[in-house]
N, C-alpha and C. Protein backbone atom coordinates (compact mmCIF):
# COMPACT_ATOMS: atom_id res chain seq x y z
N MET A 1 56.10 -54.55 39.63
CA MET A 1 55.59 -53.49 40.49
C MET A 1 56.74 -52.60 40.95
N LEU A 2 56.52 -51.28 40.98
CA LEU A 2 57.48 -50.33 41.52
C LEU A 2 56.89 -49.68 42.77
N ILE A 3 57.72 -49.45 43.75
CA ILE A 3 57.32 -48.68 44.92
C ILE A 3 57.60 -47.21 44.60
N SER A 4 56.60 -46.38 44.76
CA SER A 4 56.76 -44.98 44.37
C SER A 4 56.28 -44.06 45.49
N ARG A 5 56.58 -42.79 45.32
CA ARG A 5 55.99 -41.76 46.17
C ARG A 5 55.68 -40.59 45.28
N ARG A 6 54.80 -39.74 45.70
CA ARG A 6 54.33 -38.67 44.84
C ARG A 6 55.22 -37.45 44.93
N SER A 7 55.53 -36.89 43.76
CA SER A 7 56.14 -35.57 43.70
C SER A 7 55.02 -34.58 43.44
N ALA A 8 55.38 -33.33 43.15
CA ALA A 8 54.35 -32.33 42.88
C ALA A 8 53.57 -32.68 41.62
N ALA A 9 54.18 -33.41 40.69
CA ALA A 9 53.53 -33.64 39.40
C ALA A 9 53.24 -35.10 39.11
N ALA A 10 54.13 -36.00 39.49
CA ALA A 10 54.02 -37.40 39.07
C ALA A 10 54.75 -38.28 40.07
N PRO A 11 54.55 -39.62 40.00
CA PRO A 11 55.22 -40.50 40.94
C PRO A 11 56.74 -40.50 40.77
N LEU A 12 57.44 -40.71 41.88
CA LEU A 12 58.87 -40.89 41.89
C LEU A 12 59.19 -42.31 42.34
N THR A 13 60.19 -42.92 41.72
CA THR A 13 60.63 -44.25 42.15
C THR A 13 62.14 -44.34 42.05
N ARG A 14 62.73 -45.25 42.81
CA ARG A 14 64.17 -45.45 42.73
C ARG A 14 64.53 -46.15 41.44
N GLY A 15 65.58 -45.69 40.84
CA GLY A 15 66.07 -46.29 39.60
C GLY A 15 67.54 -46.02 39.46
N SER A 16 68.05 -46.21 38.25
CA SER A 16 69.47 -45.94 38.02
C SER A 16 69.71 -45.57 36.56
N PHE A 17 70.78 -44.84 36.35
CA PHE A 17 71.28 -44.56 35.00
C PHE A 17 72.75 -44.93 34.98
N ASN A 18 73.12 -45.83 34.07
CA ASN A 18 74.49 -46.35 33.98
C ASN A 18 75.01 -46.81 35.34
N GLY A 19 74.11 -47.47 36.10
CA GLY A 19 74.49 -48.07 37.36
C GLY A 19 74.47 -47.14 38.56
N ILE A 20 74.19 -45.86 38.37
CA ILE A 20 74.16 -44.90 39.47
C ILE A 20 72.71 -44.65 39.87
N THR A 21 72.39 -44.83 41.13
CA THR A 21 71.00 -44.79 41.58
C THR A 21 70.54 -43.37 41.87
N GLY A 22 69.23 -43.18 41.75
CA GLY A 22 68.60 -41.91 42.05
C GLY A 22 67.09 -42.04 41.94
N ASP A 23 66.40 -40.94 42.19
CA ASP A 23 64.95 -40.91 42.10
C ASP A 23 64.53 -40.45 40.70
N PHE A 24 63.69 -41.24 40.05
CA PHE A 24 63.22 -40.93 38.70
C PHE A 24 61.71 -40.70 38.71
N GLU A 25 61.30 -39.63 38.08
CA GLU A 25 59.87 -39.33 37.93
C GLU A 25 59.30 -40.13 36.76
N LEU A 26 58.12 -40.69 36.94
CA LEU A 26 57.41 -41.39 35.87
C LEU A 26 56.37 -40.44 35.30
N ASP A 27 56.61 -39.95 34.10
CA ASP A 27 55.74 -38.93 33.51
C ASP A 27 55.36 -39.36 32.10
N SER A 28 54.25 -40.10 31.99
CA SER A 28 53.82 -40.58 30.68
C SER A 28 53.34 -39.45 29.78
N GLY A 29 53.17 -38.25 30.32
CA GLY A 29 52.81 -37.10 29.50
C GLY A 29 53.99 -36.43 28.84
N ASN A 30 55.20 -36.85 29.19
CA ASN A 30 56.41 -36.31 28.56
C ASN A 30 56.74 -37.16 27.34
N ALA A 31 56.59 -36.58 26.15
CA ALA A 31 56.78 -37.34 24.92
C ALA A 31 58.23 -37.44 24.48
N GLY A 32 59.12 -36.66 25.09
CA GLY A 32 60.51 -36.66 24.68
C GLY A 32 61.30 -37.80 25.31
N PRO A 33 62.59 -37.89 24.97
CA PRO A 33 63.43 -38.94 25.56
C PRO A 33 63.54 -38.78 27.07
N THR A 34 63.92 -39.85 27.74
CA THR A 34 64.18 -39.80 29.17
C THR A 34 65.16 -38.68 29.49
N ILE A 35 64.84 -37.89 30.50
CA ILE A 35 65.65 -36.75 30.89
C ILE A 35 66.59 -37.16 32.03
N VAL A 36 67.86 -36.84 31.88
CA VAL A 36 68.81 -36.93 33.00
C VAL A 36 69.05 -35.51 33.47
N GLU A 37 68.72 -35.26 34.74
CA GLU A 37 68.77 -33.90 35.27
C GLU A 37 70.21 -33.44 35.46
N GLY A 38 70.44 -32.16 35.18
CA GLY A 38 71.78 -31.61 35.15
C GLY A 38 72.52 -31.65 36.46
N TYR A 39 71.87 -31.24 37.55
CA TYR A 39 72.58 -31.16 38.82
C TYR A 39 72.90 -32.56 39.37
N TRP A 40 71.98 -33.50 39.17
CA TRP A 40 72.25 -34.88 39.58
C TRP A 40 73.40 -35.44 38.76
N ALA A 41 73.40 -35.17 37.46
CA ALA A 41 74.48 -35.66 36.59
C ALA A 41 75.83 -35.10 37.03
N LYS A 42 75.87 -33.82 37.36
CA LYS A 42 77.13 -33.21 37.80
C LYS A 42 77.61 -33.83 39.11
N GLU A 43 76.69 -34.03 40.06
CA GLU A 43 77.05 -34.59 41.37
C GLU A 43 77.57 -36.02 41.25
N ASN A 44 77.17 -36.72 40.19
CA ASN A 44 77.55 -38.12 40.04
C ASN A 44 78.55 -38.37 38.92
N GLY A 45 79.22 -37.32 38.45
CA GLY A 45 80.29 -37.47 37.49
C GLY A 45 79.85 -37.85 36.08
N LEU A 46 78.60 -37.53 35.72
CA LEU A 46 78.06 -37.90 34.41
C LEU A 46 77.98 -36.72 33.44
N ALA A 47 78.19 -35.52 33.93
CA ALA A 47 77.93 -34.33 33.12
C ALA A 47 78.79 -34.27 31.86
N ASP A 48 80.08 -34.57 31.98
CA ASP A 48 80.97 -34.48 30.81
C ASP A 48 80.56 -35.48 29.74
N PHE A 49 80.23 -36.70 30.16
CA PHE A 49 79.78 -37.72 29.20
C PHE A 49 78.52 -37.26 28.48
N LEU A 50 77.54 -36.77 29.21
CA LEU A 50 76.28 -36.36 28.61
C LEU A 50 76.42 -35.13 27.73
N ALA A 51 77.34 -34.24 28.10
CA ALA A 51 77.54 -33.01 27.32
C ALA A 51 78.17 -33.28 25.96
N ARG A 52 78.74 -34.46 25.76
CA ARG A 52 79.34 -34.82 24.47
C ARG A 52 78.32 -35.45 23.52
N GLY A 53 77.05 -35.46 23.90
CA GLY A 53 76.03 -36.11 23.09
C GLY A 53 75.68 -35.37 21.82
N LEU A 54 74.74 -35.93 21.10
CA LEU A 54 74.28 -35.37 19.83
C LEU A 54 73.47 -34.10 20.08
N HIS A 55 73.83 -33.03 19.37
CA HIS A 55 73.12 -31.76 19.53
C HIS A 55 71.70 -31.90 18.98
N TRP A 56 70.72 -31.49 19.78
CA TRP A 56 69.31 -31.62 19.41
C TRP A 56 68.54 -30.47 20.02
N ALA A 57 67.25 -30.39 19.77
CA ALA A 57 66.41 -29.33 20.31
C ALA A 57 65.26 -29.93 21.09
N GLY A 58 65.09 -29.49 22.33
CA GLY A 58 63.94 -29.88 23.12
C GLY A 58 62.87 -28.81 23.04
N SER A 59 61.71 -29.09 23.62
CA SER A 59 60.64 -28.10 23.63
C SER A 59 59.83 -28.26 24.90
N GLY A 60 59.24 -27.16 25.32
CA GLY A 60 58.40 -27.16 26.50
C GLY A 60 57.48 -25.96 26.47
N ILE A 61 56.86 -25.69 27.61
CA ILE A 61 55.92 -24.58 27.68
C ILE A 61 56.61 -23.27 27.36
N GLY A 62 57.87 -23.14 27.74
CA GLY A 62 58.59 -21.90 27.49
C GLY A 62 59.21 -21.80 26.11
N GLY A 63 59.03 -22.82 25.26
CA GLY A 63 59.57 -22.78 23.91
C GLY A 63 60.66 -23.82 23.71
N ASP A 64 61.42 -23.66 22.64
CA ASP A 64 62.47 -24.61 22.29
C ASP A 64 63.76 -24.29 23.03
N TYR A 65 64.58 -25.31 23.29
CA TYR A 65 65.85 -25.11 23.96
C TYR A 65 66.82 -26.20 23.51
N ASN A 66 68.10 -25.95 23.68
CA ASN A 66 69.13 -26.88 23.23
C ASN A 66 69.35 -28.00 24.24
N ILE A 67 69.48 -29.21 23.74
CA ILE A 67 69.79 -30.36 24.58
C ILE A 67 70.83 -31.22 23.88
N LYS A 68 71.38 -32.18 24.61
CA LYS A 68 72.27 -33.18 24.05
C LYS A 68 71.64 -34.55 24.26
N LEU A 69 71.72 -35.40 23.26
CA LEU A 69 71.17 -36.75 23.33
C LEU A 69 72.29 -37.77 23.38
N SER A 70 72.13 -38.76 24.23
CA SER A 70 73.09 -39.86 24.36
C SER A 70 72.30 -41.15 24.54
N ARG A 71 73.03 -42.24 24.71
CA ARG A 71 72.40 -43.51 25.07
C ARG A 71 73.04 -44.04 26.35
N GLY A 72 72.21 -44.71 27.14
CA GLY A 72 72.71 -45.29 28.38
C GLY A 72 71.72 -46.31 28.90
N ASP A 73 72.10 -46.97 29.98
CA ASP A 73 71.28 -48.04 30.55
C ASP A 73 70.47 -47.51 31.73
N ILE A 74 69.15 -47.61 31.61
CA ILE A 74 68.23 -47.17 32.66
C ILE A 74 67.60 -48.40 33.30
N ALA A 75 67.42 -48.33 34.61
CA ALA A 75 66.70 -49.38 35.32
C ALA A 75 65.71 -48.73 36.27
N LEU A 76 64.51 -49.31 36.32
CA LEU A 76 63.49 -48.92 37.30
C LEU A 76 63.11 -50.20 38.03
N GLY A 77 63.64 -50.38 39.23
CA GLY A 77 63.44 -51.65 39.91
C GLY A 77 64.06 -52.77 39.08
N SER A 78 63.26 -53.80 38.80
CA SER A 78 63.75 -54.93 38.00
C SER A 78 63.59 -54.71 36.50
N ILE A 79 63.03 -53.59 36.09
CA ILE A 79 62.76 -53.31 34.68
C ILE A 79 63.97 -52.62 34.07
N LYS A 80 64.47 -53.15 32.98
CA LYS A 80 65.68 -52.64 32.35
C LYS A 80 65.35 -51.98 31.01
N PHE A 81 66.03 -50.86 30.76
CA PHE A 81 65.95 -50.15 29.47
C PHE A 81 67.37 -50.01 28.95
N PRO A 82 67.93 -51.06 28.35
CA PRO A 82 69.32 -50.96 27.88
C PRO A 82 69.45 -50.06 26.66
N HIS A 83 70.55 -49.33 26.62
CA HIS A 83 70.90 -48.51 25.45
C HIS A 83 69.78 -47.52 25.10
N GLU A 84 69.20 -46.94 26.12
CA GLU A 84 68.06 -46.03 25.94
C GLU A 84 68.53 -44.62 25.58
N VAL A 85 67.76 -43.92 24.74
CA VAL A 85 68.05 -42.53 24.42
C VAL A 85 67.71 -41.65 25.62
N VAL A 86 68.64 -40.78 26.00
CA VAL A 86 68.40 -39.85 27.10
C VAL A 86 68.77 -38.44 26.66
N SER A 87 68.11 -37.46 27.26
CA SER A 87 68.40 -36.06 26.95
C SER A 87 69.00 -35.37 28.17
N TYR A 88 69.81 -34.37 27.88
CA TYR A 88 70.53 -33.64 28.92
C TYR A 88 70.57 -32.17 28.53
N ALA A 89 70.08 -31.31 29.42
CA ALA A 89 70.03 -29.88 29.11
C ALA A 89 71.09 -29.08 29.85
N GLY A 90 71.90 -29.72 30.67
CA GLY A 90 72.92 -29.00 31.43
C GLY A 90 72.35 -28.45 32.73
N LEU A 91 73.03 -27.45 33.27
CA LEU A 91 72.65 -26.86 34.56
C LEU A 91 71.70 -25.69 34.30
N MET A 92 70.42 -25.95 34.40
CA MET A 92 69.41 -24.93 34.13
C MET A 92 69.13 -24.11 35.38
N GLN A 93 68.95 -22.82 35.19
CA GLN A 93 68.74 -21.92 36.32
C GLN A 93 67.28 -21.81 36.75
N ARG A 94 66.36 -22.17 35.87
CA ARG A 94 64.95 -22.09 36.22
C ARG A 94 64.17 -23.11 35.40
N GLY A 95 62.92 -23.31 35.78
CA GLY A 95 62.09 -24.29 35.09
C GLY A 95 62.26 -25.68 35.69
N SER A 96 61.54 -26.65 35.12
CA SER A 96 61.53 -28.00 35.68
C SER A 96 62.90 -28.66 35.63
N GLU A 97 63.76 -28.25 34.66
CA GLU A 97 65.08 -28.87 34.54
C GLU A 97 66.10 -28.33 35.53
N SER A 98 65.67 -27.40 36.41
CA SER A 98 66.60 -26.84 37.40
C SER A 98 66.55 -27.60 38.72
N THR A 99 65.86 -28.73 38.77
CA THR A 99 65.69 -29.46 40.02
C THR A 99 67.01 -30.01 40.57
N HIS A 100 67.12 -29.99 41.90
CA HIS A 100 68.22 -30.64 42.61
C HIS A 100 67.75 -31.90 43.32
N LEU A 101 66.47 -32.26 43.15
CA LEU A 101 65.85 -33.28 43.99
C LEU A 101 65.74 -34.65 43.33
N GLN A 102 65.90 -34.74 42.02
CA GLN A 102 65.72 -36.03 41.37
C GLN A 102 66.73 -36.24 40.26
N ALA A 103 66.86 -37.52 39.88
CA ALA A 103 67.86 -37.89 38.88
C ALA A 103 67.37 -37.70 37.46
N GLY A 104 66.09 -37.90 37.23
CA GLY A 104 65.60 -37.79 35.86
C GLY A 104 64.11 -37.99 35.76
N VAL A 105 63.65 -37.98 34.51
CA VAL A 105 62.24 -38.15 34.18
C VAL A 105 62.13 -39.19 33.07
N VAL A 106 61.44 -40.27 33.35
CA VAL A 106 61.20 -41.31 32.35
C VAL A 106 59.79 -41.09 31.80
N GLY A 107 59.71 -40.88 30.47
CA GLY A 107 58.44 -40.51 29.88
C GLY A 107 57.91 -41.52 28.87
N GLU A 108 57.01 -41.04 28.04
CA GLU A 108 56.27 -41.89 27.10
C GLU A 108 57.19 -42.59 26.12
N SER A 109 58.32 -41.98 25.77
CA SER A 109 59.21 -42.59 24.78
C SER A 109 59.82 -43.89 25.29
N SER A 110 59.81 -44.11 26.60
CA SER A 110 60.24 -45.40 27.17
C SER A 110 59.05 -46.22 27.65
N LEU A 111 58.06 -45.55 28.24
CA LEU A 111 56.96 -46.26 28.89
C LEU A 111 55.90 -46.77 27.92
N TYR A 112 55.97 -46.39 26.63
CA TYR A 112 54.96 -46.86 25.67
C TYR A 112 54.98 -48.38 25.52
N ARG A 113 56.06 -49.02 25.95
CA ARG A 113 56.19 -50.48 25.83
C ARG A 113 55.53 -51.23 26.99
N PHE A 114 54.83 -50.51 27.87
CA PHE A 114 54.28 -51.12 29.07
C PHE A 114 52.84 -50.69 29.31
N ASP A 115 52.07 -51.56 29.93
CA ASP A 115 50.78 -51.19 30.51
C ASP A 115 51.04 -50.70 31.92
N MET A 116 50.57 -49.49 32.23
CA MET A 116 50.86 -48.86 33.51
C MET A 116 49.57 -48.70 34.32
N VAL A 117 49.63 -49.07 35.59
CA VAL A 117 48.53 -48.82 36.53
C VAL A 117 49.11 -48.09 37.73
N TYR A 118 48.59 -46.90 38.01
CA TYR A 118 49.07 -46.08 39.11
C TYR A 118 48.11 -46.21 40.29
N ASP A 119 48.60 -46.77 41.39
CA ASP A 119 47.81 -46.91 42.61
C ASP A 119 48.35 -45.89 43.61
N TYR A 120 47.79 -44.68 43.55
CA TYR A 120 48.30 -43.60 44.38
C TYR A 120 48.05 -43.84 45.86
N ALA A 121 46.93 -44.48 46.19
CA ALA A 121 46.61 -44.71 47.60
C ALA A 121 47.66 -45.58 48.28
N ARG A 122 48.16 -46.59 47.56
CA ARG A 122 49.17 -47.50 48.11
C ARG A 122 50.60 -47.13 47.71
N GLU A 123 50.73 -46.06 46.93
CA GLU A 123 52.03 -45.61 46.45
C GLU A 123 52.76 -46.74 45.71
N GLN A 124 52.02 -47.34 44.75
CA GLN A 124 52.57 -48.40 43.93
C GLN A 124 52.24 -48.13 42.46
N VAL A 125 53.14 -48.57 41.59
CA VAL A 125 52.91 -48.50 40.14
C VAL A 125 53.11 -49.92 39.59
N TRP A 126 52.10 -50.39 38.90
CA TRP A 126 52.15 -51.73 38.30
C TRP A 126 52.51 -51.58 36.83
N ILE A 127 53.56 -52.29 36.40
CA ILE A 127 54.05 -52.18 35.03
C ILE A 127 54.11 -53.58 34.42
N ASP A 128 53.38 -53.76 33.32
CA ASP A 128 53.39 -55.03 32.60
C ASP A 128 53.91 -54.80 31.19
N PRO A 129 54.97 -55.50 30.78
CA PRO A 129 55.50 -55.33 29.42
C PRO A 129 54.50 -55.77 28.36
N LYS A 130 54.48 -55.02 27.25
CA LYS A 130 53.71 -55.41 26.07
C LYS A 130 54.71 -55.96 25.05
N THR A 131 54.82 -57.26 24.98
CA THR A 131 55.90 -57.89 24.23
C THR A 131 55.77 -57.73 22.73
N ASP A 132 54.57 -57.34 22.24
CA ASP A 132 54.38 -57.22 20.80
C ASP A 132 54.67 -55.82 20.28
N ILE A 133 55.17 -54.93 21.14
CA ILE A 133 55.44 -53.56 20.74
C ILE A 133 56.91 -53.43 20.32
N PRO A 134 57.18 -53.06 19.07
CA PRO A 134 58.59 -52.93 18.64
C PRO A 134 59.23 -51.66 19.20
N LEU A 135 60.55 -51.67 19.28
CA LEU A 135 61.28 -50.48 19.69
C LEU A 135 61.20 -49.42 18.59
N ARG A 136 61.12 -48.17 19.02
CA ARG A 136 61.08 -47.06 18.06
C ARG A 136 62.51 -46.61 17.77
N PRO A 137 62.91 -46.59 16.51
CA PRO A 137 64.24 -46.06 16.20
C PRO A 137 64.27 -44.55 16.37
N PHE A 138 65.44 -44.02 16.67
CA PHE A 138 65.59 -42.58 16.78
C PHE A 138 65.60 -41.95 15.38
N ASN A 139 65.16 -40.72 15.28
CA ASN A 139 65.13 -39.94 14.05
C ASN A 139 66.43 -40.09 13.26
N ARG A 140 66.33 -40.53 12.01
CA ARG A 140 67.50 -40.77 11.16
C ARG A 140 67.65 -39.75 10.04
N SER A 141 66.87 -38.68 10.11
CA SER A 141 66.96 -37.64 9.07
C SER A 141 67.78 -36.44 9.51
N GLY A 142 67.78 -36.17 10.82
CA GLY A 142 68.41 -34.95 11.32
C GLY A 142 67.51 -33.76 11.31
N LEU A 143 66.20 -33.98 11.13
CA LEU A 143 65.23 -32.89 11.08
C LEU A 143 64.30 -32.95 12.28
N ARG A 144 64.08 -31.80 12.89
CA ARG A 144 63.01 -31.67 13.88
C ARG A 144 61.97 -30.71 13.30
N LEU A 145 60.73 -31.16 13.27
CA LEU A 145 59.67 -30.43 12.59
C LEU A 145 58.59 -29.97 13.57
N ARG A 146 57.86 -28.96 13.11
CA ARG A 146 56.68 -28.51 13.83
C ARG A 146 55.60 -28.17 12.81
N LYS A 147 54.37 -28.50 13.10
CA LYS A 147 53.26 -28.22 12.17
C LYS A 147 52.64 -26.87 12.55
N ASP A 148 53.20 -25.81 11.97
CA ASP A 148 52.71 -24.46 12.27
C ASP A 148 51.51 -24.08 11.42
N SER A 149 51.33 -24.76 10.29
CA SER A 149 50.19 -24.48 9.42
C SER A 149 49.69 -25.80 8.86
N PRO A 150 48.44 -25.85 8.38
CA PRO A 150 47.90 -27.12 7.89
C PRO A 150 48.65 -27.69 6.70
N ASP A 151 49.31 -26.84 5.90
CA ASP A 151 49.86 -27.27 4.62
C ASP A 151 51.37 -27.50 4.61
N ALA A 152 52.03 -27.29 5.74
CA ALA A 152 53.50 -27.40 5.72
C ALA A 152 54.04 -27.67 7.11
N PHE A 153 55.20 -28.35 7.14
CA PHE A 153 55.97 -28.49 8.36
C PHE A 153 57.05 -27.41 8.39
N SER A 154 57.22 -26.76 9.52
CA SER A 154 58.33 -25.83 9.70
C SER A 154 59.52 -26.59 10.26
N ILE A 155 60.70 -26.33 9.72
CA ILE A 155 61.92 -26.96 10.20
C ILE A 155 62.48 -26.09 11.32
N ILE A 156 62.51 -26.63 12.53
CA ILE A 156 62.96 -25.84 13.67
C ILE A 156 64.36 -26.22 14.12
N PHE A 157 64.89 -27.33 13.60
CA PHE A 157 66.25 -27.70 13.97
C PHE A 157 66.80 -28.67 12.95
N VAL A 158 68.09 -28.49 12.61
CA VAL A 158 68.81 -29.39 11.71
C VAL A 158 70.07 -29.88 12.43
N VAL A 159 70.21 -31.17 12.57
CA VAL A 159 71.36 -31.74 13.28
C VAL A 159 72.62 -31.58 12.44
N PRO A 160 73.70 -31.09 13.04
CA PRO A 160 74.97 -31.00 12.29
C PRO A 160 75.42 -32.36 11.76
N ASN A 161 75.94 -32.36 10.53
CA ASN A 161 76.48 -33.57 9.88
C ASN A 161 75.42 -34.65 9.66
N SER A 162 74.18 -34.25 9.59
CA SER A 162 73.08 -35.19 9.37
C SER A 162 72.72 -35.24 7.88
N PRO A 163 71.90 -36.21 7.46
CA PRO A 163 71.41 -36.21 6.08
C PRO A 163 70.74 -34.90 5.70
N ALA A 164 70.01 -34.29 6.63
CA ALA A 164 69.34 -33.03 6.32
C ALA A 164 70.33 -31.91 6.06
N GLU A 165 71.38 -31.81 6.88
CA GLU A 165 72.37 -30.76 6.66
C GLU A 165 73.12 -31.01 5.35
N MET A 166 73.42 -32.26 5.05
CA MET A 166 74.12 -32.57 3.80
C MET A 166 73.29 -32.19 2.59
N ALA A 167 71.95 -32.21 2.75
CA ALA A 167 71.05 -31.81 1.67
C ALA A 167 70.80 -30.31 1.64
N LYS A 168 71.53 -29.56 2.49
CA LYS A 168 71.45 -28.10 2.53
C LYS A 168 70.07 -27.59 2.95
N ILE A 169 69.41 -28.35 3.81
CA ILE A 169 68.16 -27.89 4.40
C ILE A 169 68.49 -26.99 5.58
N LYS A 170 67.72 -25.90 5.74
CA LYS A 170 68.01 -24.90 6.76
C LYS A 170 66.83 -24.77 7.73
N GLU A 171 67.16 -24.32 8.94
CA GLU A 171 66.10 -23.97 9.88
C GLU A 171 65.25 -22.86 9.29
N GLY A 172 63.93 -22.98 9.44
CA GLY A 172 63.01 -22.00 8.89
C GLY A 172 62.45 -22.38 7.53
N ASP A 173 63.11 -23.33 6.82
CA ASP A 173 62.53 -23.84 5.58
C ASP A 173 61.21 -24.55 5.89
N GLN A 174 60.41 -24.74 4.84
CA GLN A 174 59.12 -25.41 4.97
C GLN A 174 59.09 -26.68 4.13
N ILE A 175 58.57 -27.76 4.70
CA ILE A 175 58.38 -29.00 3.96
C ILE A 175 56.91 -29.13 3.60
N THR A 176 56.62 -29.20 2.30
CA THR A 176 55.23 -29.28 1.85
C THR A 176 54.81 -30.68 1.45
N SER A 177 55.78 -31.60 1.30
CA SER A 177 55.43 -32.99 1.05
C SER A 177 56.57 -33.90 1.47
N ILE A 178 56.23 -35.12 1.86
CA ILE A 178 57.19 -36.15 2.21
C ILE A 178 56.84 -37.40 1.42
N ASN A 179 57.80 -37.88 0.64
CA ASN A 179 57.55 -39.02 -0.26
C ASN A 179 56.31 -38.80 -1.11
N ARG A 180 56.21 -37.57 -1.62
CA ARG A 180 55.14 -37.14 -2.52
C ARG A 180 53.75 -37.16 -1.87
N GLN A 181 53.72 -37.24 -0.56
CA GLN A 181 52.45 -37.13 0.16
C GLN A 181 52.38 -35.75 0.78
N ALA A 182 51.30 -35.02 0.51
CA ALA A 182 51.18 -33.63 0.94
C ALA A 182 51.25 -33.53 2.46
N ALA A 183 51.94 -32.49 2.93
CA ALA A 183 52.05 -32.26 4.37
C ALA A 183 50.67 -32.05 5.00
N SER A 184 49.72 -31.58 4.22
CA SER A 184 48.36 -31.37 4.75
C SER A 184 47.71 -32.66 5.21
N SER A 185 48.19 -33.80 4.72
CA SER A 185 47.61 -35.10 5.10
C SER A 185 48.48 -35.84 6.11
N LEU A 186 49.53 -35.19 6.61
CA LEU A 186 50.47 -35.83 7.53
C LEU A 186 50.53 -35.07 8.85
N ALA A 187 50.70 -35.81 9.94
CA ALA A 187 50.97 -35.23 11.25
C ALA A 187 52.46 -35.35 11.54
N THR A 188 52.94 -34.64 12.56
CA THR A 188 54.35 -34.75 12.92
C THR A 188 54.69 -36.19 13.34
N SER A 189 53.73 -36.90 13.91
CA SER A 189 53.98 -38.31 14.27
C SER A 189 54.18 -39.16 13.02
N ASP A 190 53.48 -38.83 11.92
CA ASP A 190 53.68 -39.55 10.66
C ASP A 190 55.09 -39.31 10.13
N ALA A 191 55.54 -38.05 10.21
CA ALA A 191 56.89 -37.73 9.76
C ALA A 191 57.93 -38.46 10.60
N ALA A 192 57.68 -38.56 11.91
CA ALA A 192 58.62 -39.27 12.79
C ALA A 192 58.75 -40.73 12.40
N VAL A 193 57.65 -41.36 12.02
CA VAL A 193 57.69 -42.76 11.58
C VAL A 193 58.52 -42.89 10.31
N ILE A 194 58.32 -41.98 9.37
CA ILE A 194 59.08 -42.03 8.11
C ILE A 194 60.56 -41.81 8.37
N PHE A 195 60.89 -40.86 9.25
CA PHE A 195 62.29 -40.55 9.53
C PHE A 195 62.96 -41.63 10.39
N GLY A 196 62.18 -42.58 10.89
CA GLY A 196 62.73 -43.69 11.64
C GLY A 196 62.84 -44.97 10.84
N ARG A 197 62.66 -44.90 9.53
CA ARG A 197 62.76 -46.10 8.69
C ARG A 197 64.20 -46.60 8.62
N PRO A 198 64.42 -47.78 8.07
CA PRO A 198 65.75 -48.40 8.13
C PRO A 198 66.85 -47.55 7.53
N ILE A 199 68.05 -47.74 8.05
CA ILE A 199 69.24 -47.06 7.55
C ILE A 199 69.38 -47.30 6.05
N GLY A 200 69.67 -46.24 5.32
CA GLY A 200 69.83 -46.35 3.87
C GLY A 200 68.58 -46.05 3.08
N THR A 201 67.42 -45.93 3.76
CA THR A 201 66.17 -45.60 3.06
C THR A 201 66.25 -44.19 2.50
N ASN A 202 65.78 -44.01 1.28
CA ASN A 202 65.70 -42.68 0.68
C ASN A 202 64.33 -42.07 0.94
N VAL A 203 64.33 -40.82 1.38
CA VAL A 203 63.10 -40.08 1.66
C VAL A 203 63.10 -38.83 0.80
N MET A 204 62.03 -38.64 0.04
CA MET A 204 61.92 -37.48 -0.83
C MET A 204 61.12 -36.37 -0.15
N LEU A 205 61.65 -35.17 -0.17
CA LEU A 205 60.99 -34.01 0.43
C LEU A 205 60.82 -32.91 -0.61
N SER A 206 59.72 -32.17 -0.47
CA SER A 206 59.57 -30.92 -1.22
C SER A 206 59.78 -29.79 -0.22
N VAL A 207 60.83 -28.98 -0.44
CA VAL A 207 61.27 -27.99 0.53
C VAL A 207 61.17 -26.60 -0.08
N THR A 208 60.46 -25.71 0.64
CA THR A 208 60.39 -24.31 0.24
C THR A 208 61.35 -23.51 1.11
N PRO A 209 62.34 -22.84 0.53
CA PRO A 209 63.34 -22.14 1.34
C PRO A 209 62.73 -21.00 2.14
N LYS A 210 63.28 -20.76 3.32
CA LYS A 210 62.86 -19.64 4.16
C LYS A 210 63.11 -18.32 3.44
N SER A 211 64.19 -18.29 2.64
CA SER A 211 64.57 -17.07 1.95
C SER A 211 63.68 -16.74 0.76
N GLY A 212 62.77 -17.67 0.43
CA GLY A 212 61.88 -17.44 -0.70
C GLY A 212 62.31 -18.21 -1.93
N GLY A 213 61.47 -18.17 -2.94
CA GLY A 213 61.77 -18.89 -4.16
C GLY A 213 60.93 -20.14 -4.28
N PRO A 214 61.06 -20.83 -5.40
CA PRO A 214 60.24 -22.03 -5.65
C PRO A 214 60.69 -23.19 -4.78
N PRO A 215 59.81 -24.15 -4.52
CA PRO A 215 60.20 -25.34 -3.77
C PRO A 215 61.20 -26.17 -4.57
N ARG A 216 62.01 -26.92 -3.86
CA ARG A 216 62.96 -27.81 -4.52
C ARG A 216 62.78 -29.23 -3.99
N ARG A 217 63.08 -30.18 -4.83
CA ARG A 217 62.98 -31.58 -4.47
C ARG A 217 64.30 -32.02 -3.83
N VAL A 218 64.21 -32.61 -2.64
CA VAL A 218 65.39 -33.01 -1.87
C VAL A 218 65.27 -34.49 -1.52
N GLN A 219 66.36 -35.21 -1.67
CA GLN A 219 66.39 -36.61 -1.26
C GLN A 219 67.31 -36.79 -0.06
N LEU A 220 66.78 -37.39 0.99
CA LEU A 220 67.58 -37.72 2.17
C LEU A 220 67.84 -39.22 2.17
N ARG A 221 69.03 -39.61 2.53
CA ARG A 221 69.37 -41.02 2.73
C ARG A 221 69.56 -41.23 4.23
N LEU A 222 68.63 -41.91 4.87
CA LEU A 222 68.61 -42.01 6.32
C LEU A 222 69.85 -42.75 6.84
N LYS A 223 70.34 -42.28 7.99
CA LYS A 223 71.47 -42.94 8.62
C LYS A 223 71.32 -42.85 10.15
N GLU A 224 72.02 -43.75 10.84
CA GLU A 224 72.01 -43.73 12.30
C GLU A 224 72.94 -42.62 12.79
N MET A 225 72.42 -41.76 13.66
CA MET A 225 73.22 -40.66 14.17
C MET A 225 73.48 -40.78 15.66
N LEU A 226 72.71 -41.63 16.34
CA LEU A 226 72.83 -41.76 17.79
C LEU A 226 73.18 -43.20 18.11
N HIS A 227 74.46 -43.48 18.30
CA HIS A 227 74.93 -44.86 18.47
C HIS A 227 74.96 -45.24 19.95
C-alpha cells in the first residue's frame, strides 16, 4: 500500500530516484518511461548525469520532443524498481515537464507489473505484484516508429550509433514489412515486441526511402543500447 494525495491529474506519493526522495505522480496512462523532472533533478544534483543519457524522442499532445534515457533505481514506499529506464527532458519552460512541484512521473512502463487499486476517498493506492509478468526489454533496434498510414510505419527517430543508423535508415523513411510480415497487419506495439527480442537477433525490414525510389531489404542485428 502507498499513501498518496491527489494532484491535478493523478495521485502523488513519496518515492525516490537513486536514493534521493521526492513526490512521484502515478500515471498509468503515461506509456513512456518513468519521467525524472528537470527542475527537481537540477536541485538535487542529478541533471548532469541524466543529460548524458541515450538520445531518444518523446511524444505528447504538443508533438515529438528530444529526451535522454538513462537507468536508475526507483522506489515507491517499499516497492523497488532497480535499474529502471527513466527519461529526462531538461529544464522545460512550459507544459507538464516544466513543473517545480514533483520529482517525476511513474507510468505504465513500470506499473504494468502490478495490480493497482486507487482509493481516492482514503488517499491510498494498493499495489500487488504480478509475479508472472516478465520485464520488458528496451528497444534494441534504435528505431522509433509511428503508424501514420495503414500500410506503413513512419520512422520518426533513429538513435545515433544504433543498428538502425548502421543500416543507413533515415528519419522519414517508411517501413512496409518487418520479418516479411506486412506493416498493414502490425501495430506499433507489435514492432516494439520484435525490437525487444534478444541481443543478436536479426530483424528483416522492407524500407522505402523518404527521398523516393524502390524499397530495399535491410537487416538489423539487435543490440543493447541502454546499459
